[in-house]
Amino acid sequence: LTACGYEVTPCMSRILRECDDEFVPPISHRINLVKMDGQQYFCDVGYG
């Protein structure tokens, strides 16, 4: 994305799928945010 001209910010994430409300899982995932025209966008190609 950077090579194609996008402004990219890596960010951290917790996977909450199949977790109950009382359990806080550790940060274990990376996503990317892309900024265009002042707006940030969630982007992810690495979640199974």
ModelCIF file with pLDDT and N, C-alpha, C, O atoms, coordinates in Angstrom:
data_MODEL
#
_entry.id   MODEL 
#
_entity.id                         1 
_entity.type                       polymer 
_entity.pdbx_number_of_molecules   1 
#
_entity_poly.entity_id                      1 
_entity_poly.type                           'polypeptide(L)' 
_entity_poly.nstd_linkage                   no 
_entity_poly.nstd_monomer                   no 
_entity_poly.pdbx_seq_one_letter_code       LTACGYEVTPCMSRILRECDDEFVPPISHRINLVKMDGQQYFCDVGYG 
_entity_poly.pdbx_seq_one_letter_code_can   LTACGYEVTPCMSRILRECDDEFVPPISHRINLVKMDGQQYFCDVGYG 
_entity_poly.pdbx_strand_id                 A 
#
loop_
_entity_poly_seq.entity_id 
_entity_poly_seq.num 
_entity_poly_seq.mon_id 
_entity_poly_seq.hetero 
1 1  LEU n 
1 2  THR n 
1 3  ALA n 
1 4  CYS n 
1 5  GLY n 
1 6  TYR n 
1 7  GLU n 
1 8  VAL n 
1 9  THR n 
1 10 PRO n 
1 11 CYS n 
1 12 MET n 
1 13 SER n 
1 14 ARG n 
1 15 ILE n 
1 16 LEU n 
1 17 ARG n 
1 18 GLU n 
1 19 CYS n 
1 20 ASP n 
1 21 ASP n 
1 22 GLU n 
1 23 PHE n 
1 24 VAL n 
1 25 PRO n 
1 26 PRO n 
1 27 ILE n 
1 28 SER n 
1 29 HIS n 
1 30 ARG n 
1 31 ILE n 
1 32 ASN n 
1 33 LEU n 
1 34 VAL n 
1 35 LYS n 
1 36 MET n 
1 37 ASP n 
1 38 GLY n 
1 39 GLN n 
1 40 GLN n 
1 41 TYR n 
1 42 PHE n 
1 43 CYS n 
1 44 ASP n 
1 45 VAL n 
1 46 GLY n 
1 47 TYR n 
1 48 GLY n 
#
_struct_asym.id          A 
_struct_asym.entity_id   1 
#
loop_
_ma_qa_metric.id 
_ma_qa_metric.mode 
_ma_qa_metric.name 
_ma_qa_metric.software_group_id 
_ma_qa_metric.type 
1 global pLDDT . pLDDT 
2 local  pLDDT . pLDDT 
#
_ma_qa_metric_global.metric_id      1 
_ma_qa_metric_global.metric_value   93.15 
_ma_qa_metric_global.model_id       1 
_ma_qa_metric_global.ordinal_id     1 
#
loop_
_ma_qa_metric_local.label_asym_id 
_ma_qa_metric_local.label_comp_id 
_ma_qa_metric_local.label_seq_id 
_ma_qa_metric_local.metric_id 
_ma_qa_metric_local.metric_value 
_ma_qa_metric_local.model_id 
_ma_qa_metric_local.ordinal_id 
A LEU 1  2 98.00 1 1  
A THR 2  2 98.00 1 2  
A ALA 3  2 97.00 1 3  
A CYS 4  2 97.00 1 4  
A GLY 5  2 97.00 1 5  
A TYR 6  2 98.00 1 6  
A GLU 7  2 98.00 1 7  
A VAL 8  2 98.00 1 8  
A THR 9  2 98.00 1 9  
A PRO 10 2 98.00 1 10 
A CYS 11 2 98.00 1 11 
A MET 12 2 98.00 1 12 
A SER 13 2 98.00 1 13 
A ARG 14 2 96.00 1 14 
A ILE 15 2 95.00 1 15 
A LEU 16 2 94.00 1 16 
A ARG 17 2 84.00 1 17 
A GLU 18 2 73.00 1 18 
A CYS 19 2 72.00 1 19 
A ASP 20 2 67.00 1 20 
A ASP 21 2 67.00 1 21 
A GLU 22 2 70.00 1 22 
A PHE 23 2 77.00 1 23 
A VAL 24 2 83.00 1 24 
A PRO 25 2 90.00 1 25 
A PRO 26 2 93.00 1 26 
A ILE 27 2 96.00 1 27 
A SER 28 2 96.00 1 28 
A HIS 29 2 98.00 1 29 
A ARG 30 2 98.00 1 30 
A ILE 31 2 98.00 1 31 
A ASN 32 2 98.00 1 32 
A LEU 33 2 98.00 1 33 
A VAL 34 2 98.00 1 34 
A LYS 35 2 98.00 1 35 
A MET 36 2 97.00 1 36 
A ASP 37 2 95.00 1 37 
A GLY 38 2 96.00 1 38 
A GLN 39 2 98.00 1 39 
A GLN 40 2 98.00 1 40 
A TYR 41 2 98.00 1 41 
A PHE 42 2 98.00 1 42 
A CYS 43 2 98.00 1 43 
A ASP 44 2 98.00 1 44 
A VAL 45 2 98.00 1 45 
A GLY 46 2 98.00 1 46 
A TYR 47 2 97.00 1 47 
A GLY 48 2 92.00 1 48 
#
loop_
_atom_site.group_PDB 
_atom_site.id 
_atom_site.type_symbol 
_atom_site.label_atom_id 
_atom_site.label_alt_id 
_atom_site.label_comp_id 
_atom_site.label_asym_id 
_atom_site.label_entity_id 
_atom_site.label_seq_id 
_atom_site.pdbx_PDB_ins_code 
_atom_site.Cartn_x 
_atom_site.Cartn_y 
_atom_site.Cartn_z 
_atom_site.occupancy 
_atom_site.B_iso_or_equiv 
_atom_site.pdbx_formal_charge 
_atom_site.auth_seq_id 
_atom_site.auth_comp_id 
_atom_site.auth_asym_id 
_atom_site.auth_atom_id 
_atom_site.pdbx_PDB_model_num 
ATOM 1   N N  . LEU A 1 1  ? 0.825   -1.207  0.000  1.00 98.00 ? 1  LEU A N  1 
ATOM 2   C CA . LEU A 1 1  ? 0.000   0.000   0.000  1.00 98.00 ? 1  LEU A CA 1 
ATOM 3   C C  . LEU A 1 1  ? 0.859   1.257   0.000  1.00 98.00 ? 1  LEU A C  1 
ATOM 4   O O  . LEU A 1 1  ? 0.557   2.216   -0.710 1.00 98.00 ? 1  LEU A O  1 
ATOM 5   N N  . THR A 1 2  ? 1.916   1.257   0.784  1.00 98.00 ? 2  THR A N  1 
ATOM 6   C CA . THR A 1 2  ? 2.818   2.413   0.810  1.00 98.00 ? 2  THR A CA 1 
ATOM 7   C C  . THR A 1 2  ? 3.450   2.628   -0.559 1.00 98.00 ? 2  THR A C  1 
ATOM 8   O O  . THR A 1 2  ? 3.553   3.761   -1.029 1.00 98.00 ? 2  THR A O  1 
ATOM 9   N N  . ALA A 1 3  ? 3.875   1.540   -1.199 1.00 97.00 ? 3  ALA A N  1 
ATOM 10  C CA . ALA A 1 3  ? 4.479   1.643   -2.534 1.00 97.00 ? 3  ALA A CA 1 
ATOM 11  C C  . ALA A 1 3  ? 3.477   2.137   -3.566 1.00 97.00 ? 3  ALA A C  1 
ATOM 12  O O  . ALA A 1 3  ? 3.863   2.728   -4.574 1.00 97.00 ? 3  ALA A O  1 
ATOM 13  N N  . CYS A 1 4  ? 2.184   1.897   -3.320 1.00 97.00 ? 4  CYS A N  1 
ATOM 14  C CA . CYS A 1 4  ? 1.136   2.346   -4.245 1.00 97.00 ? 4  CYS A CA 1 
ATOM 15  C C  . CYS A 1 4  ? 0.637   3.748   -3.925 1.00 97.00 ? 4  CYS A C  1 
ATOM 16  O O  . CYS A 1 4  ? -0.248  4.259   -4.612 1.00 97.00 ? 4  CYS A O  1 
ATOM 17  N N  . GLY A 1 5  ? 1.194   4.378   -2.888 1.00 97.00 ? 5  GLY A N  1 
ATOM 18  C CA . GLY A 1 5  ? 0.864   5.772   -2.606 1.00 97.00 ? 5  GLY A CA 1 
ATOM 19  C C  . GLY A 1 5  ? -0.107  5.998   -1.467 1.00 97.00 ? 5  GLY A C  1 
ATOM 20  O O  . GLY A 1 5  ? -0.571  7.123   -1.277 1.00 97.00 ? 5  GLY A O  1 
ATOM 21  N N  . TYR A 1 6  ? -0.433  4.955   -0.692 1.00 98.00 ? 6  TYR A N  1 
ATOM 22  C CA . TYR A 1 6  ? -1.353  5.115   0.436  1.00 98.00 ? 6  TYR A CA 1 
ATOM 23  C C  . TYR A 1 6  ? -0.587  5.493   1.706  1.00 98.00 ? 6  TYR A C  1 
ATOM 24  O O  . TYR A 1 6  ? 0.594   5.177   1.846  1.00 98.00 ? 6  TYR A O  1 
ATOM 25  N N  . GLU A 1 7  ? -1.269  6.168   2.620  1.00 98.00 ? 7  GLU A N  1 
ATOM 26  C CA . GLU A 1 7  ? -0.724  6.493   3.936  1.00 98.00 ? 7  GLU A CA 1 
ATOM 27  C C  . GLU A 1 7  ? -1.208  5.429   4.918  1.00 98.00 ? 7  GLU A C  1 
ATOM 28  O O  . GLU A 1 7  ? -2.402  5.351   5.208  1.00 98.00 ? 7  GLU A O  1 
ATOM 29  N N  . VAL A 1 8  ? -0.290  4.612   5.428  1.00 98.00 ? 8  VAL A N  1 
ATOM 30  C CA . VAL A 1 8  ? -0.650  3.428   6.204  1.00 98.00 ? 8  VAL A CA 1 
ATOM 31  C C  . VAL A 1 8  ? -0.116  3.537   7.627  1.00 98.00 ? 8  VAL A C  1 
ATOM 32  O O  . VAL A 1 8  ? 1.020   3.956   7.850  1.00 98.00 ? 8  VAL A O  1 
ATOM 33  N N  . THR A 1 9  ? -0.957  3.153   8.582  1.00 98.00 ? 9  THR A N  1 
ATOM 34  C CA . THR A 1 9  ? -0.564  3.116   9.986  1.00 98.00 ? 9  THR A CA 1 
ATOM 35  C C  . THR A 1 9  ? -0.844  1.720   10.541 1.00 98.00 ? 9  THR A C  1 
ATOM 36  O O  . THR A 1 9  ? -1.989  1.272   10.502 1.00 98.00 ? 9  THR A O  1 
ATOM 37  N N  . PRO A 1 10 ? 0.171   1.019   11.057 1.00 98.00 ? 10 PRO A N  1 
ATOM 38  C CA . PRO A 1 10 ? -0.078  -0.260  11.716 1.00 98.00 ? 10 PRO A CA 1 
ATOM 39  C C  . PRO A 1 10 ? -0.662  -0.035  13.103 1.00 98.00 ? 10 PRO A C  1 
ATOM 40  O O  . PRO A 1 10 ? -0.277  0.902   13.802 1.00 98.00 ? 10 PRO A O  1 
ATOM 41  N N  . CYS A 1 11 ? -1.597  -0.903  13.500 1.00 98.00 ? 11 CYS A N  1 
ATOM 42  C CA . CYS A 1 11 ? -2.249  -0.782  14.803 1.00 98.00 ? 11 CYS A CA 1 
ATOM 43  C C  . CYS A 1 11 ? -2.430  -2.166  15.425 1.00 98.00 ? 11 CYS A C  1 
ATOM 44  O O  . CYS A 1 11 ? -2.387  -3.183  14.734 1.00 98.00 ? 11 CYS A O  1 
ATOM 45  N N  . MET A 1 12 ? -2.632  -2.184  16.744 1.00 98.00 ? 12 MET A N  1 
ATOM 46  C CA . MET A 1 12 ? -2.770  -3.427  17.483 1.00 98.00 ? 12 MET A CA 1 
ATOM 47  C C  . MET A 1 12 ? -4.234  -3.761  17.748 1.00 98.00 ? 12 MET A C  1 
ATOM 48  O O  . MET A 1 12 ? -5.098  -2.885  17.750 1.00 98.00 ? 12 MET A O  1 
ATOM 49  N N  . SER A 1 13 ? -4.491  -5.057  17.971 1.00 98.00 ? 13 SER A N  1 
ATOM 50  C CA . SER A 1 13 ? -5.863  -5.520  18.128 1.00 98.00 ? 13 SER A CA 1 
ATOM 51  C C  . SER A 1 13 ? -5.912  -6.710  19.078 1.00 98.00 ? 13 SER A C  1 
ATOM 52  O O  . SER A 1 13 ? -4.946  -7.460  19.214 1.00 98.00 ? 13 SER A O  1 
ATOM 53  N N  . ARG A 1 14 ? -7.063  -6.865  19.734 1.00 96.00 ? 14 ARG A N  1 
ATOM 54  C CA . ARG A 1 14 ? -7.386  -8.062  20.507 1.00 96.00 ? 14 ARG A CA 1 
ATOM 55  C C  . ARG A 1 14 ? -8.440  -8.854  19.754 1.00 96.00 ? 14 ARG A C  1 
ATOM 56  O O  . ARG A 1 14 ? -9.376  -8.268  19.212 1.00 96.00 ? 14 ARG A O  1 
ATOM 57  N N  . ILE A 1 15 ? -8.309  -10.167 19.710 1.00 95.00 ? 15 ILE A N  1 
ATOM 58  C CA . ILE A 1 15 ? -9.319  -11.018 19.081 1.00 95.00 ? 15 ILE A CA 1 
ATOM 59  C C  . ILE A 1 15 ? -10.352 -11.392 20.145 1.00 95.00 ? 15 ILE A C  1 
ATOM 60  O O  . ILE A 1 15 ? -10.026 -12.056 21.130 1.00 95.00 ? 15 ILE A O  1 
ATOM 61  N N  . LEU A 1 16 ? -11.599 -10.962 19.941 1.00 94.00 ? 16 LEU A N  1 
ATOM 62  C CA . LEU A 1 16 ? -12.667 -11.203 20.906 1.00 94.00 ? 16 LEU A CA 1 
ATOM 63  C C  . LEU A 1 16 ? -13.630 -12.295 20.462 1.00 94.00 ? 16 LEU A C  1 
ATOM 64  O O  . LEU A 1 16 ? -14.523 -12.672 21.220 1.00 94.00 ? 16 LEU A O  1 
ATOM 65  N N  . ARG A 1 17 ? -13.468 -12.801 19.266 1.00 84.00 ? 17 ARG A N  1 
ATOM 66  C CA . ARG A 1 17 ? -14.370 -13.829 18.774 1.00 84.00 ? 17 ARG A CA 1 
ATOM 67  C C  . ARG A 1 17 ? -14.338 -15.048 19.700 1.00 84.00 ? 17 ARG A C  1 
ATOM 68  O O  . ARG A 1 17 ? -13.268 -15.554 20.041 1.00 84.00 ? 17 ARG A O  1 
ATOM 69  N N  . GLU A 1 18 ? -15.512 -15.505 20.096 1.00 73.00 ? 18 GLU A N  1 
ATOM 70  C CA . GLU A 1 18 ? -15.687 -16.665 20.972 1.00 73.00 ? 18 GLU A CA 1 
ATOM 71  C C  . GLU A 1 18 ? -15.159 -16.422 22.383 1.00 73.00 ? 18 GLU A C  1 
ATOM 72  O O  . GLU A 1 18 ? -14.899 -17.379 23.112 1.00 73.00 ? 18 GLU A O  1 
ATOM 73  N N  . CYS A 1 19 ? -14.993 -15.146 22.784 1.00 72.00 ? 19 CYS A N  1 
ATOM 74  C CA . CYS A 1 19 ? -14.616 -14.813 24.157 1.00 72.00 ? 19 CYS A CA 1 
ATOM 75  C C  . CYS A 1 19 ? -15.852 -14.326 24.918 1.00 72.00 ? 19 CYS A C  1 
ATOM 76  O O  . CYS A 1 19 ? -16.701 -13.637 24.353 1.00 72.00 ? 19 CYS A O  1 
ATOM 77  N N  . ASP A 1 20 ? -15.948 -14.688 26.202 1.00 67.00 ? 20 ASP A N  1 
ATOM 78  C CA . ASP A 1 20 ? -17.065 -14.178 26.990 1.00 67.00 ? 20 ASP A CA 1 
ATOM 79  C C  . ASP A 1 20 ? -16.746 -12.765 27.469 1.00 67.00 ? 20 ASP A C  1 
ATOM 80  O O  . ASP A 1 20 ? -15.624 -12.281 27.323 1.00 67.00 ? 20 ASP A O  1 
ATOM 81  N N  . ASP A 1 21 ? -17.762 -12.111 28.046 1.00 67.00 ? 21 ASP A N  1 
ATOM 82  C CA . ASP A 1 21 ? -17.632 -10.703 28.420 1.00 67.00 ? 21 ASP A CA 1 
ATOM 83  C C  . ASP A 1 21 ? -16.658 -10.471 29.566 1.00 67.00 ? 21 ASP A C  1 
ATOM 84  O O  . ASP A 1 21 ? -16.183 -9.350  29.748 1.00 67.00 ? 21 ASP A O  1 
ATOM 85  N N  . GLU A 1 22 ? -16.351 -11.508 30.345 1.00 70.00 ? 22 GLU A N  1 
ATOM 86  C CA . GLU A 1 22 ? -15.505 -11.338 31.518 1.00 70.00 ? 22 GLU A CA 1 
ATOM 87  C C  . GLU A 1 22 ? -14.019 -11.531 31.213 1.00 70.00 ? 22 GLU A C  1 
ATOM 88  O O  . GLU A 1 22 ? -13.167 -11.206 32.040 1.00 70.00 ? 22 GLU A O  1 
ATOM 89  N N  . PHE A 1 23 ? -13.711 -12.055 30.034 1.00 77.00 ? 23 PHE A N  1 
ATOM 90  C CA . PHE A 1 23 ? -12.309 -12.344 29.695 1.00 77.00 ? 23 PHE A CA 1 
ATOM 91  C C  . PHE A 1 23 ? -11.773 -11.298 28.735 1.00 77.00 ? 23 PHE A C  1 
ATOM 92  O O  . PHE A 1 23 ? -12.371 -11.035 27.692 1.00 77.00 ? 23 PHE A O  1 
ATOM 93  N N  . VAL A 1 24 ? -10.635 -10.697 29.094 1.00 83.00 ? 24 VAL A N  1 
ATOM 94  C CA . VAL A 1 24 ? -9.966  -9.732  28.219 1.00 83.00 ? 24 VAL A CA 1 
ATOM 95  C C  . VAL A 1 24 ? -8.742  -10.416 27.621 1.00 83.00 ? 24 VAL A C  1 
ATOM 96  O O  . VAL A 1 24 ? -7.742  -10.592 28.317 1.00 83.00 ? 24 VAL A O  1 
ATOM 97  N N  . PRO A 1 25 ? -8.797  -10.805 26.351 1.00 90.00 ? 25 PRO A N  1 
ATOM 98  C CA . PRO A 1 25 ? -7.640  -11.482 25.748 1.00 90.00 ? 25 PRO A CA 1 
ATOM 99  C C  . PRO A 1 25 ? -6.500  -10.508 25.499 1.00 90.00 ? 25 PRO A C  1 
ATOM 100 O O  . PRO A 1 25 ? -6.729  -9.306  25.363 1.00 90.00 ? 25 PRO A O  1 
ATOM 101 N N  . PRO A 1 26 ? -5.283  -11.012 25.439 1.00 93.00 ? 26 PRO A N  1 
ATOM 102 C CA . PRO A 1 26 ? -4.144  -10.121 25.192 1.00 93.00 ? 26 PRO A CA 1 
ATOM 103 C C  . PRO A 1 26 ? -4.145  -9.596  23.759 1.00 93.00 ? 26 PRO A C  1 
ATOM 104 O O  . PRO A 1 26 ? -4.790  -10.163 22.877 1.00 93.00 ? 26 PRO A O  1 
ATOM 105 N N  . ILE A 1 27 ? -3.425  -8.525  23.547 1.00 96.00 ? 27 ILE A N  1 
ATOM 106 C CA . ILE A 1 27 ? -3.206  -8.028  22.184 1.00 96.00 ? 27 ILE A CA 1 
ATOM 107 C C  . ILE A 1 27 ? -2.432  -9.098  21.421 1.00 96.00 ? 27 ILE A C  1 
ATOM 108 O O  . ILE A 1 27 ? -1.356  -9.521  21.842 1.00 96.00 ? 27 ILE A O  1 
ATOM 109 N N  . SER A 1 28 ? -2.997  -9.529  20.292 1.00 96.00 ? 28 SER A N  1 
ATOM 110 C CA . SER A 1 28 ? -2.380  -10.646 19.558 1.00 96.00 ? 28 SER A CA 1 
ATOM 111 C C  . SER A 1 28 ? -2.545  -10.519 18.050 1.00 96.00 ? 28 SER A C  1 
ATOM 112 O O  . SER A 1 28 ? -2.312  -11.480 17.318 1.00 96.00 ? 28 SER A O  1 
ATOM 113 N N  . HIS A 1 29 ? -2.943  -9.348  17.584 1.00 98.00 ? 29 HIS A N  1 
ATOM 114 C CA . HIS A 1 29 ? -3.262  -9.215  16.165 1.00 98.00 ? 29 HIS A CA 1 
ATOM 115 C C  . HIS A 1 29 ? -2.809  -7.850  15.672 1.00 98.00 ? 29 HIS A C  1 
ATOM 116 O O  . HIS A 1 29 ? -2.805  -6.874  16.422 1.00 98.00 ? 29 HIS A O  1 
ATOM 117 N N  . ARG A 1 30 ? -2.430  -7.795  14.403 1.00 98.00 ? 30 ARG A N  1 
ATOM 118 C CA . ARG A 1 30 ? -2.082  -6.536  13.748 1.00 98.00 ? 30 ARG A CA 1 
ATOM 119 C C  . ARG A 1 30 ? -3.094  -6.239  12.663 1.00 98.00 ? 30 ARG A C  1 
ATOM 120 O O  . ARG A 1 30 ? -3.469  -7.123  11.892 1.00 98.00 ? 30 ARG A O  1 
ATOM 121 N N  . ILE A 1 31 ? -3.539  -4.985  12.604 1.00 98.00 ? 31 ILE A N  1 
ATOM 122 C CA . ILE A 1 31 ? -4.340  -4.493  11.484 1.00 98.00 ? 31 ILE A CA 1 
ATOM 123 C C  . ILE A 1 31 ? -3.609  -3.315  10.861 1.00 98.00 ? 31 ILE A C  1 
ATOM 124 O O  . ILE A 1 31 ? -2.556  -2.904  11.349 1.00 98.00 ? 31 ILE A O  1 
ATOM 125 N N  . ASN A 1 32 ? -4.166  -2.772  9.782  1.00 98.00 ? 32 ASN A N  1 
ATOM 126 C CA . ASN A 1 32 ? -3.662  -1.540  9.192  1.00 98.00 ? 32 ASN A CA 1 
ATOM 127 C C  . ASN A 1 32 ? -4.793  -0.523  9.106  1.00 98.00 ? 32 ASN A C  1 
ATOM 128 O O  . ASN A 1 32 ? -5.936  -0.875  8.816  1.00 98.00 ? 32 ASN A O  1 
ATOM 129 N N  . LEU A 1 33 ? -4.469  0.722   9.355  1.00 98.00 ? 33 LEU A N  1 
ATOM 130 C CA . LEU A 1 33 ? -5.372  1.826   9.061  1.00 98.00 ? 33 LEU A CA 1 
ATOM 131 C C  . LEU A 1 33 ? -4.793  2.617   7.900  1.00 98.00 ? 33 LEU A C  1 
ATOM 132 O O  . LEU A 1 33 ? -3.596  2.900   7.860  1.00 98.00 ? 33 LEU A O  1 
ATOM 133 N N  . VAL A 1 34 ? -5.650  2.967   6.962  1.00 98.00 ? 34 VAL A N  1 
ATOM 134 C CA . VAL A 1 34 ? -5.230  3.757   5.802  1.00 98.00 ? 34 VAL A CA 1 
ATOM 135 C C  . VAL A 1 34 ? -5.978  5.083   5.833  1.00 98.00 ? 34 VAL A C  1 
ATOM 136 O O  . VAL A 1 34 ? -7.193  5.112   6.029  1.00 98.00 ? 34 VAL A O  1 
ATOM 137 N N  . LYS A 1 35 ? -5.252  6.182   5.639  1.00 98.00 ? 35 LYS A N  1 
ATOM 138 C CA . LYS A 1 35 ? -5.855  7.516   5.674  1.00 98.00 ? 35 LYS A CA 1 
ATOM 139 C C  . LYS A 1 35 ? -5.940  8.091   4.277  1.00 98.00 ? 35 LYS A C  1 
ATOM 140 O O  . LYS A 1 35 ? -4.944  8.163   3.558  1.00 98.00 ? 35 LYS A O  1 
ATOM 141 N N  . MET A 1 36 ? -7.147  8.500   3.897  1.00 97.00 ? 36 MET A N  1 
ATOM 142 C CA . MET A 1 36 ? -7.388  9.152   2.605  1.00 97.00 ? 36 MET A CA 1 
ATOM 143 C C  . MET A 1 36 ? -8.340  10.314  2.813  1.00 97.00 ? 36 MET A C  1 
ATOM 144 O O  . MET A 1 36 ? -9.395  10.156  3.427  1.00 97.00 ? 36 MET A O  1 
ATOM 145 N N  . ASP A 1 37 ? -7.974  11.476  2.305  1.00 95.00 ? 37 ASP A N  1 
ATOM 146 C CA . ASP A 1 37 ? -8.834  12.663  2.373  1.00 95.00 ? 37 ASP A CA 1 
ATOM 147 C C  . ASP A 1 37 ? -9.326  12.929  3.785  1.00 95.00 ? 37 ASP A C  1 
ATOM 148 O O  . ASP A 1 37 ? -10.484 13.292  3.995  1.00 95.00 ? 37 ASP A O  1 
ATOM 149 N N  . GLY A 1 38 ? -8.429  12.743  4.756  1.00 96.00 ? 38 GLY A N  1 
ATOM 150 C CA . GLY A 1 38 ? -8.772  13.032  6.137  1.00 96.00 ? 38 GLY A CA 1 
ATOM 151 C C  . GLY A 1 38 ? -9.549  11.942  6.861  1.00 96.00 ? 38 GLY A C  1 
ATOM 152 O O  . GLY A 1 38 ? -9.827  12.077  8.053  1.00 96.00 ? 38 GLY A O  1 
ATOM 153 N N  . GLN A 1 39 ? -9.904  10.871  6.170  1.00 98.00 ? 39 GLN A N  1 
ATOM 154 C CA . GLN A 1 39 ? -10.676 9.780   6.766  1.00 98.00 ? 39 GLN A CA 1 
ATOM 155 C C  . GLN A 1 39 ? -9.808  8.539   6.914  1.00 98.00 ? 39 GLN A C  1 
ATOM 156 O O  . GLN A 1 39 ? -9.098  8.166   5.980  1.00 98.00 ? 39 GLN A O  1 
ATOM 157 N N  . GLN A 1 40 ? -9.856  7.890   8.083  1.00 98.00 ? 40 GLN A N  1 
ATOM 158 C CA . GLN A 1 40 ? -9.151  6.644   8.291  1.00 98.00 ? 40 GLN A CA 1 
ATOM 159 C C  . GLN A 1 40 ? -10.055 5.453   7.961  1.00 98.00 ? 40 GLN A C  1 
ATOM 160 O O  . GLN A 1 40 ? -11.266 5.493   8.177  1.00 98.00 ? 40 GLN A O  1 
ATOM 161 N N  . TYR A 1 41 ? -9.427  4.386   7.428  1.00 98.00 ? 41 TYR A N  1 
ATOM 162 C CA . TYR A 1 41 ? -10.151 3.182   7.034  1.00 98.00 ? 41 TYR A CA 1 
ATOM 163 C C  . TYR A 1 41 ? -9.487  1.955   7.660  1.00 98.00 ? 41 TYR A C  1 
ATOM 164 O O  . TYR A 1 41 ? -8.262  1.832   7.675  1.00 98.00 ? 41 TYR A O  1 
ATOM 165 N N  . PHE A 1 42 ? -10.317 1.060   8.171  1.00 98.00 ? 42 PHE A N  1 
ATOM 166 C CA . PHE A 1 42 ? -9.868  -0.228  8.697  1.00 98.00 ? 42 PHE A CA 1 
ATOM 167 C C  . PHE A 1 42 ? -9.568  -1.165  7.533  1.00 98.00 ? 42 PHE A C  1 
ATOM 168 O O  . PHE A 1 42 ? -10.388 -1.318  6.628  1.00 98.00 ? 42 PHE A O  1 
ATOM 169 N N  . CYS A 1 43 ? -8.384  -1.797  7.554  1.00 98.00 ? 43 CYS A N  1 
ATOM 170 C CA . CYS A 1 43 ? -7.985  -2.728  6.499  1.00 98.00 ? 43 CYS A CA 1 
ATOM 171 C C  . CYS A 1 43 ? -7.319  -3.946  7.147  1.00 98.00 ? 43 CYS A C  1 
ATOM 172 O O  . CYS A 1 43 ? -6.473  -3.796  8.029  1.00 98.00 ? 43 CYS A O  1 
ATOM 173 N N  . ASP A 1 44 ? -7.699  -5.151  6.708  1.00 98.00 ? 44 ASP A N  1 
ATOM 174 C CA . ASP A 1 44 ? -7.127  -6.360  7.282  1.00 98.00 ? 44 ASP A CA 1 
ATOM 175 C C  . ASP A 1 44 ? -7.111  -7.464  6.233  1.00 98.00 ? 44 ASP A C  1 
ATOM 176 O O  . ASP A 1 44 ? -8.151  -7.819  5.679  1.00 98.00 ? 44 ASP A O  1 
ATOM 177 N N  . VAL A 1 45 ? -5.922  -8.006  5.963  1.00 98.00 ? 45 VAL A N  1 
ATOM 178 C CA . VAL A 1 45 ? -5.803  -9.157  5.059  1.00 98.00 ? 45 VAL A CA 1 
ATOM 179 C C  . VAL A 1 45 ? -5.150  -10.333 5.777  1.00 98.00 ? 45 VAL A C  1 
ATOM 180 O O  . VAL A 1 45 ? -4.721  -11.290 5.133  1.00 98.00 ? 45 VAL A O  1 
ATOM 181 N N  . GLY A 1 46 ? -5.070  -10.270 7.122  1.00 98.00 ? 46 GLY A N  1 
ATOM 182 C CA . GLY A 1 46 ? -4.314  -11.274 7.850  1.00 98.00 ? 46 GLY A CA 1 
ATOM 183 C C  . GLY A 1 46 ? -5.043  -11.933 8.994  1.00 98.00 ? 46 GLY A C  1 
ATOM 184 O O  . GLY A 1 46 ? -4.412  -12.404 9.940  1.00 98.00 ? 46 GLY A O  1 
ATOM 185 N N  . TYR A 1 47 ? -6.385  -11.977 8.927  1.00 97.00 ? 47 TYR A N  1 
ATOM 186 C CA . TYR A 1 47 ? -7.141  -12.646 9.979  1.00 97.00 ? 47 TYR A CA 1 
ATOM 187 C C  . TYR A 1 47 ? -7.760  -13.915 9.412  1.00 97.00 ? 47 TYR A C  1 
ATOM 188 O O  . TYR A 1 47 ? -8.369  -13.892 8.343  1.00 97.00 ? 47 TYR A O  1 
ATOM 189 N N  . GLY A 1 48 ? -7.603  -15.019 10.128 1.00 92.00 ? 48 GLY A N  1 
ATOM 190 C CA . GLY A 1 48 ? -8.077  -16.300 9.620  1.00 92.00 ? 48 GLY A CA 1 
ATOM 191 C C  . GLY A 1 48 ? -9.523  -16.586 9.925  1.00 92.00 ? 48 GLY A C  1 
ATOM 192 O O  . GLY A 1 48 ? -10.038 -17.639 9.546  1.00 92.00 ? 48 GLY A O  1 
#
